Amino acid sequence: MSDGPFRLIVHQTIEPGGLEEFKKTAQLGASNAQAKEPGTLGYEFFIDESGTDCYLSEYYVDSESFITHFANVRPILEASMKVSSLVEAIVLGDPTPEARAVLAALGVKYYSDCIGFCR
């Protein structure tokens, strides 16, 4: 297994009436990651027009950066899950066994083989 950069894509549904609370927790998580986690290269929420479906795109420089982020975001994630539900989580890349152990709770599907490049 390599310890290079990888992405985590999370698909969530947002409960009816929960959009504003979801946005609040999303902004808090994004702000904290941007300010305190230099190894978190990207952390973006994309919400559909109806406000009921969301994709979170996370990008990490390495597995240790992800593990640090997950520890930091745990309380925010717990608040977010009161108004949202996990649909699917995928990893694009090859995190370490330690990162995979953290990701196991999400039921992640892995896509490790990559053809192409990212700048």
N, C-alpha and C. Protein backbone atom coordinates (compact mmCIF):
# COMPACT_ATOMS: atom_id res chain seq x y z
N MET A 1 0.83 -1.18 0.00
CA MET A 1 0.00 0.00 0.00
C MET A 1 0.87 1.25 0.00
N SER A 2 0.43 2.22 -0.73
CA SER A 2 1.17 3.46 -0.77
C SER A 2 0.65 4.40 0.30
N ASP A 3 1.36 5.47 0.52
CA ASP A 3 0.89 6.49 1.45
C ASP A 3 0.88 7.83 0.76
N GLY A 4 0.42 7.86 -0.45
CA GLY A 4 0.31 9.11 -1.18
C GLY A 4 -1.04 9.76 -0.97
N PRO A 5 -1.32 10.76 -1.77
CA PRO A 5 -2.60 11.44 -1.66
C PRO A 5 -3.77 10.52 -2.03
N PHE A 6 -4.91 10.80 -1.43
CA PHE A 6 -6.13 10.08 -1.80
C PHE A 6 -7.33 10.97 -1.57
N ARG A 7 -8.44 10.57 -2.20
CA ARG A 7 -9.70 11.30 -2.07
C ARG A 7 -10.73 10.42 -1.37
N LEU A 8 -11.60 11.06 -0.63
CA LEU A 8 -12.76 10.41 -0.03
C LEU A 8 -13.98 11.15 -0.55
N ILE A 9 -14.90 10.42 -1.17
CA ILE A 9 -16.14 11.00 -1.67
C ILE A 9 -17.28 10.40 -0.85
N VAL A 10 -18.06 11.26 -0.22
CA VAL A 10 -19.15 10.82 0.65
C VAL A 10 -20.47 11.33 0.08
N HIS A 11 -21.41 10.44 -0.11
CA HIS A 11 -22.75 10.79 -0.58
C HIS A 11 -23.69 10.71 0.62
N GLN A 12 -24.43 11.80 0.87
CA GLN A 12 -25.35 11.87 1.99
C GLN A 12 -26.70 12.39 1.53
N THR A 13 -27.74 12.00 2.27
CA THR A 13 -29.04 12.64 2.11
C THR A 13 -29.25 13.56 3.30
N ILE A 14 -30.01 14.62 3.08
CA ILE A 14 -30.28 15.60 4.12
C ILE A 14 -31.77 15.49 4.47
N GLU A 15 -32.05 15.37 5.76
CA GLU A 15 -33.42 15.21 6.22
C GLU A 15 -34.25 16.45 5.89
N PRO A 16 -35.54 16.29 5.63
CA PRO A 16 -36.41 17.45 5.42
C PRO A 16 -36.34 18.39 6.62
N GLY A 17 -36.15 19.67 6.35
CA GLY A 17 -36.03 20.66 7.41
C GLY A 17 -34.64 20.75 8.03
N GLY A 18 -33.71 19.92 7.58
CA GLY A 18 -32.38 19.89 8.18
C GLY A 18 -31.30 20.63 7.40
N LEU A 19 -31.67 21.26 6.30
CA LEU A 19 -30.66 21.85 5.42
C LEU A 19 -29.83 22.93 6.12
N GLU A 20 -30.46 23.83 6.84
CA GLU A 20 -29.70 24.92 7.48
C GLU A 20 -28.73 24.39 8.53
N GLU A 21 -29.18 23.42 9.32
CA GLU A 21 -28.29 22.81 10.31
C GLU A 21 -27.15 22.07 9.62
N PHE A 22 -27.47 21.37 8.53
CA PHE A 22 -26.44 20.67 7.76
C PHE A 22 -25.40 21.65 7.24
N LYS A 23 -25.86 22.76 6.66
CA LYS A 23 -24.94 23.77 6.14
C LYS A 23 -24.07 24.35 7.24
N LYS A 24 -24.66 24.56 8.41
CA LYS A 24 -23.90 25.10 9.54
C LYS A 24 -22.77 24.16 9.95
N THR A 25 -23.09 22.87 10.06
CA THR A 25 -22.04 21.92 10.46
C THR A 25 -21.01 21.74 9.34
N ALA A 26 -21.47 21.76 8.09
CA ALA A 26 -20.55 21.64 6.96
C ALA A 26 -19.56 22.80 6.95
N GLN A 27 -20.06 24.01 7.16
CA GLN A 27 -19.19 25.19 7.16
C GLN A 27 -18.19 25.14 8.31
N LEU A 28 -18.63 24.68 9.46
CA LEU A 28 -17.74 24.56 10.61
C LEU A 28 -16.62 23.55 10.32
N GLY A 29 -16.99 22.41 9.75
CA GLY A 29 -15.98 21.40 9.41
C GLY A 29 -15.00 21.90 8.37
N ALA A 30 -15.52 22.58 7.34
CA ALA A 30 -14.65 23.11 6.28
C ALA A 30 -13.74 24.20 6.82
N SER A 31 -14.27 25.10 7.63
CA SER A 31 -13.46 26.19 8.18
C SER A 31 -12.35 25.66 9.08
N ASN A 32 -12.69 24.70 9.93
CA ASN A 32 -11.68 24.11 10.81
C ASN A 32 -10.59 23.40 10.02
N ALA A 33 -11.00 22.64 9.01
CA ALA A 33 -10.00 21.93 8.19
C ALA A 33 -9.09 22.91 7.47
N GLN A 34 -9.66 23.96 6.92
CA GLN A 34 -8.85 24.94 6.20
C GLN A 34 -7.87 25.65 7.13
N ALA A 35 -8.29 25.99 8.32
CA ALA A 35 -7.45 26.75 9.25
C ALA A 35 -6.40 25.90 9.96
N LYS A 36 -6.72 24.64 10.24
CA LYS A 36 -5.89 23.84 11.15
C LYS A 36 -5.24 22.60 10.54
N GLU A 37 -5.57 22.29 9.28
CA GLU A 37 -5.11 21.01 8.71
C GLU A 37 -4.45 21.23 7.36
N PRO A 38 -3.15 21.54 7.34
CA PRO A 38 -2.49 21.77 6.06
C PRO A 38 -2.46 20.54 5.15
N GLY A 39 -2.61 19.35 5.70
CA GLY A 39 -2.62 18.14 4.90
C GLY A 39 -3.97 17.83 4.27
N THR A 40 -4.99 18.61 4.64
CA THR A 40 -6.30 18.48 3.99
C THR A 40 -6.28 19.44 2.81
N LEU A 41 -6.12 18.88 1.62
CA LEU A 41 -5.95 19.69 0.41
C LEU A 41 -7.26 20.23 -0.13
N GLY A 42 -8.35 19.51 0.11
CA GLY A 42 -9.66 19.93 -0.35
C GLY A 42 -10.74 19.36 0.53
N TYR A 43 -11.81 20.14 0.75
CA TYR A 43 -12.92 19.71 1.59
C TYR A 43 -14.14 20.49 1.13
N GLU A 44 -14.90 19.90 0.17
CA GLU A 44 -15.96 20.63 -0.51
C GLU A 44 -17.28 19.88 -0.46
N PHE A 45 -18.33 20.60 -0.07
CA PHE A 45 -19.68 20.06 -0.06
C PHE A 45 -20.43 20.57 -1.29
N PHE A 46 -21.10 19.66 -1.98
CA PHE A 46 -21.93 20.01 -3.13
C PHE A 46 -23.35 19.54 -2.83
N ILE A 47 -24.29 20.49 -2.74
CA ILE A 47 -25.68 20.18 -2.38
C ILE A 47 -26.55 20.38 -3.60
N ASP A 48 -27.47 19.44 -3.85
CA ASP A 48 -28.35 19.55 -5.01
C ASP A 48 -29.37 20.68 -4.84
N GLU A 49 -30.06 20.98 -5.92
CA GLU A 49 -31.01 22.10 -5.93
C GLU A 49 -32.16 21.93 -4.95
N SER A 50 -32.55 20.69 -4.67
CA SER A 50 -33.66 20.47 -3.75
C SER A 50 -33.23 20.55 -2.28
N GLY A 51 -31.90 20.57 -2.03
CA GLY A 51 -31.40 20.63 -0.66
C GLY A 51 -31.55 19.34 0.12
N THR A 52 -31.65 18.22 -0.59
CA THR A 52 -31.85 16.94 0.08
C THR A 52 -30.74 15.93 -0.19
N ASP A 53 -29.80 16.28 -1.05
CA ASP A 53 -28.76 15.33 -1.47
C ASP A 53 -27.43 16.08 -1.51
N CYS A 54 -26.37 15.45 -1.00
CA CYS A 54 -25.08 16.12 -0.91
C CYS A 54 -23.95 15.15 -1.23
N TYR A 55 -22.93 15.68 -1.90
CA TYR A 55 -21.66 14.98 -2.07
C TYR A 55 -20.58 15.81 -1.40
N LEU A 56 -19.79 15.14 -0.56
CA LEU A 56 -18.64 15.76 0.08
C LEU A 56 -17.40 15.18 -0.59
N SER A 57 -16.54 16.06 -1.09
CA SER A 57 -15.29 15.66 -1.73
C SER A 57 -14.14 16.09 -0.83
N GLU A 58 -13.39 15.12 -0.33
CA GLU A 58 -12.25 15.38 0.55
C GLU A 58 -10.99 14.92 -0.17
N TYR A 59 -9.90 15.67 0.02
CA TYR A 59 -8.64 15.33 -0.64
C TYR A 59 -7.52 15.51 0.37
N TYR A 60 -6.73 14.46 0.58
CA TYR A 60 -5.68 14.45 1.60
C TYR A 60 -4.31 14.21 0.98
N VAL A 61 -3.30 14.85 1.56
CA VAL A 61 -1.94 14.68 1.08
C VAL A 61 -1.42 13.28 1.41
N ASP A 62 -1.92 12.69 2.50
CA ASP A 62 -1.51 11.34 2.90
C ASP A 62 -2.47 10.81 3.96
N SER A 63 -2.25 9.59 4.37
CA SER A 63 -3.14 8.94 5.33
C SER A 63 -3.11 9.59 6.70
N GLU A 64 -1.94 10.01 7.14
CA GLU A 64 -1.85 10.67 8.45
C GLU A 64 -2.68 11.95 8.49
N SER A 65 -2.70 12.68 7.39
CA SER A 65 -3.52 13.89 7.31
C SER A 65 -5.00 13.55 7.46
N PHE A 66 -5.42 12.46 6.82
CA PHE A 66 -6.82 12.03 6.97
C PHE A 66 -7.13 11.64 8.40
N ILE A 67 -6.25 10.87 9.03
CA ILE A 67 -6.48 10.41 10.41
C ILE A 67 -6.59 11.62 11.34
N THR A 68 -5.72 12.60 11.15
CA THR A 68 -5.79 13.84 11.94
C THR A 68 -7.12 14.54 11.72
N HIS A 69 -7.53 14.67 10.46
CA HIS A 69 -8.79 15.32 10.15
C HIS A 69 -9.97 14.59 10.79
N PHE A 70 -9.99 13.29 10.67
CA PHE A 70 -11.13 12.53 11.20
C PHE A 70 -11.25 12.70 12.71
N ALA A 71 -10.12 12.74 13.41
CA ALA A 71 -10.16 12.98 14.86
C ALA A 71 -10.71 14.38 15.16
N ASN A 72 -10.31 15.36 14.37
CA ASN A 72 -10.77 16.73 14.58
C ASN A 72 -12.26 16.90 14.27
N VAL A 73 -12.75 16.21 13.26
CA VAL A 73 -14.11 16.44 12.76
C VAL A 73 -15.16 15.56 13.45
N ARG A 74 -14.74 14.62 14.24
CA ARG A 74 -15.69 13.67 14.85
C ARG A 74 -16.88 14.35 15.55
N PRO A 75 -16.69 15.34 16.42
CA PRO A 75 -17.85 15.97 17.06
C PRO A 75 -18.77 16.68 16.05
N ILE A 76 -18.19 17.28 15.04
CA ILE A 76 -18.98 17.96 14.01
C ILE A 76 -19.75 16.93 13.20
N LEU A 77 -19.11 15.82 12.89
CA LEU A 77 -19.74 14.75 12.13
C LEU A 77 -20.95 14.19 12.89
N GLU A 78 -20.80 14.02 14.19
CA GLU A 78 -21.92 13.51 15.00
C GLU A 78 -23.10 14.47 14.94
N ALA A 79 -22.85 15.77 14.98
CA ALA A 79 -23.94 16.76 14.88
C ALA A 79 -24.57 16.72 13.49
N SER A 80 -23.76 16.59 12.48
CA SER A 80 -24.25 16.55 11.10
C SER A 80 -25.14 15.34 10.86
N MET A 81 -24.80 14.21 11.45
CA MET A 81 -25.55 12.98 11.22
C MET A 81 -26.94 13.01 11.88
N LYS A 82 -27.22 14.03 12.69
CA LYS A 82 -28.56 14.19 13.25
C LYS A 82 -29.54 14.67 12.18
N VAL A 83 -29.02 15.28 11.11
CA VAL A 83 -29.88 15.81 10.04
C VAL A 83 -29.52 15.22 8.67
N SER A 84 -28.65 14.23 8.65
CA SER A 84 -28.26 13.62 7.37
C SER A 84 -27.97 12.14 7.57
N SER A 85 -27.96 11.43 6.44
CA SER A 85 -27.67 9.99 6.48
C SER A 85 -26.65 9.65 5.40
N LEU A 86 -25.76 8.75 5.73
CA LEU A 86 -24.76 8.28 4.78
C LEU A 86 -25.41 7.35 3.76
N VAL A 87 -25.15 7.62 2.49
CA VAL A 87 -25.62 6.75 1.41
C VAL A 87 -24.48 5.87 0.93
N GLU A 88 -23.33 6.49 0.67
CA GLU A 88 -22.18 5.76 0.12
C GLU A 88 -20.91 6.55 0.40
N ALA A 89 -19.81 5.83 0.56
CA ALA A 89 -18.50 6.46 0.70
C ALA A 89 -17.51 5.67 -0.15
N ILE A 90 -16.71 6.39 -0.93
CA ILE A 90 -15.70 5.74 -1.76
C ILE A 90 -14.36 6.43 -1.55
N VAL A 91 -13.31 5.67 -1.68
CA VAL A 91 -11.95 6.20 -1.63
C VAL A 91 -11.33 6.01 -3.00
N LEU A 92 -10.75 7.08 -3.49
CA LEU A 92 -10.00 7.06 -4.73
C LEU A 92 -8.53 7.18 -4.34
N GLY A 93 -7.83 6.07 -4.36
CA GLY A 93 -6.43 6.04 -3.95
C GLY A 93 -6.17 4.86 -3.04
N ASP A 94 -5.03 4.89 -2.37
CA ASP A 94 -4.57 3.72 -1.62
C ASP A 94 -4.06 4.13 -0.24
N PRO A 95 -4.98 4.39 0.71
CA PRO A 95 -4.54 4.76 2.06
C PRO A 95 -3.90 3.59 2.80
N THR A 96 -3.20 3.92 3.88
CA THR A 96 -2.53 2.92 4.71
C THR A 96 -3.55 2.07 5.47
N PRO A 97 -3.10 0.94 6.02
CA PRO A 97 -4.00 0.12 6.84
C PRO A 97 -4.58 0.90 8.03
N GLU A 98 -3.81 1.81 8.61
CA GLU A 98 -4.31 2.61 9.73
C GLU A 98 -5.48 3.50 9.30
N ALA A 99 -5.34 4.14 8.14
CA ALA A 99 -6.43 4.97 7.62
C ALA A 99 -7.63 4.10 7.24
N ARG A 100 -7.37 2.93 6.67
CA ARG A 100 -8.46 2.03 6.30
C ARG A 100 -9.23 1.58 7.54
N ALA A 101 -8.55 1.42 8.66
CA ALA A 101 -9.24 1.03 9.90
C ALA A 101 -10.21 2.13 10.34
N VAL A 102 -9.81 3.38 10.18
CA VAL A 102 -10.69 4.51 10.52
C VAL A 102 -11.87 4.55 9.54
N LEU A 103 -11.59 4.31 8.28
CA LEU A 103 -12.62 4.38 7.23
C LEU A 103 -13.60 3.21 7.29
N ALA A 104 -13.24 2.14 7.97
CA ALA A 104 -14.08 0.93 8.00
C ALA A 104 -15.49 1.23 8.49
N ALA A 105 -15.64 2.15 9.43
CA ALA A 105 -16.96 2.48 9.97
C ALA A 105 -17.90 3.05 8.90
N LEU A 106 -17.32 3.58 7.83
CA LEU A 106 -18.13 4.17 6.76
C LEU A 106 -18.52 3.16 5.69
N GLY A 107 -18.01 1.94 5.78
CA GLY A 107 -18.31 0.93 4.75
C GLY A 107 -17.78 1.35 3.39
N VAL A 108 -16.59 1.87 3.36
CA VAL A 108 -16.00 2.45 2.16
C VAL A 108 -15.72 1.39 1.09
N LYS A 109 -15.93 1.78 -0.16
CA LYS A 109 -15.50 0.99 -1.30
C LYS A 109 -14.25 1.66 -1.86
N TYR A 110 -13.24 0.87 -2.20
CA TYR A 110 -11.94 1.40 -2.64
C TYR A 110 -11.75 1.27 -4.15
N TYR A 111 -11.20 2.31 -4.72
CA TYR A 111 -10.77 2.34 -6.13
C TYR A 111 -9.30 2.75 -6.10
N SER A 112 -8.40 1.77 -6.18
CA SER A 112 -6.98 2.04 -6.01
C SER A 112 -6.23 2.24 -7.32
N ASP A 113 -6.61 1.51 -8.36
CA ASP A 113 -5.90 1.64 -9.63
C ASP A 113 -6.27 2.97 -10.29
N CYS A 114 -5.25 3.71 -10.69
CA CYS A 114 -5.47 5.01 -11.31
C CYS A 114 -4.76 5.08 -12.66
N ILE A 115 -5.47 5.53 -13.63
CA ILE A 115 -4.90 5.80 -14.94
C ILE A 115 -5.11 7.29 -15.20
N GLY A 116 -4.05 8.02 -15.36
CA GLY A 116 -4.19 9.46 -15.59
C GLY A 116 -3.36 10.26 -14.61
N PHE A 117 -3.72 11.52 -14.44
CA PHE A 117 -2.94 12.39 -13.56
C PHE A 117 -3.82 13.49 -13.00
N CYS A 118 -3.32 14.14 -11.96
CA CYS A 118 -3.98 15.27 -11.33
C CYS A 118 -2.92 16.32 -11.04
N ARG A 119 -3.18 17.55 -11.39
CA ARG A 119 -2.19 18.62 -11.12
C ARG A 119 -2.58 19.43 -9.93
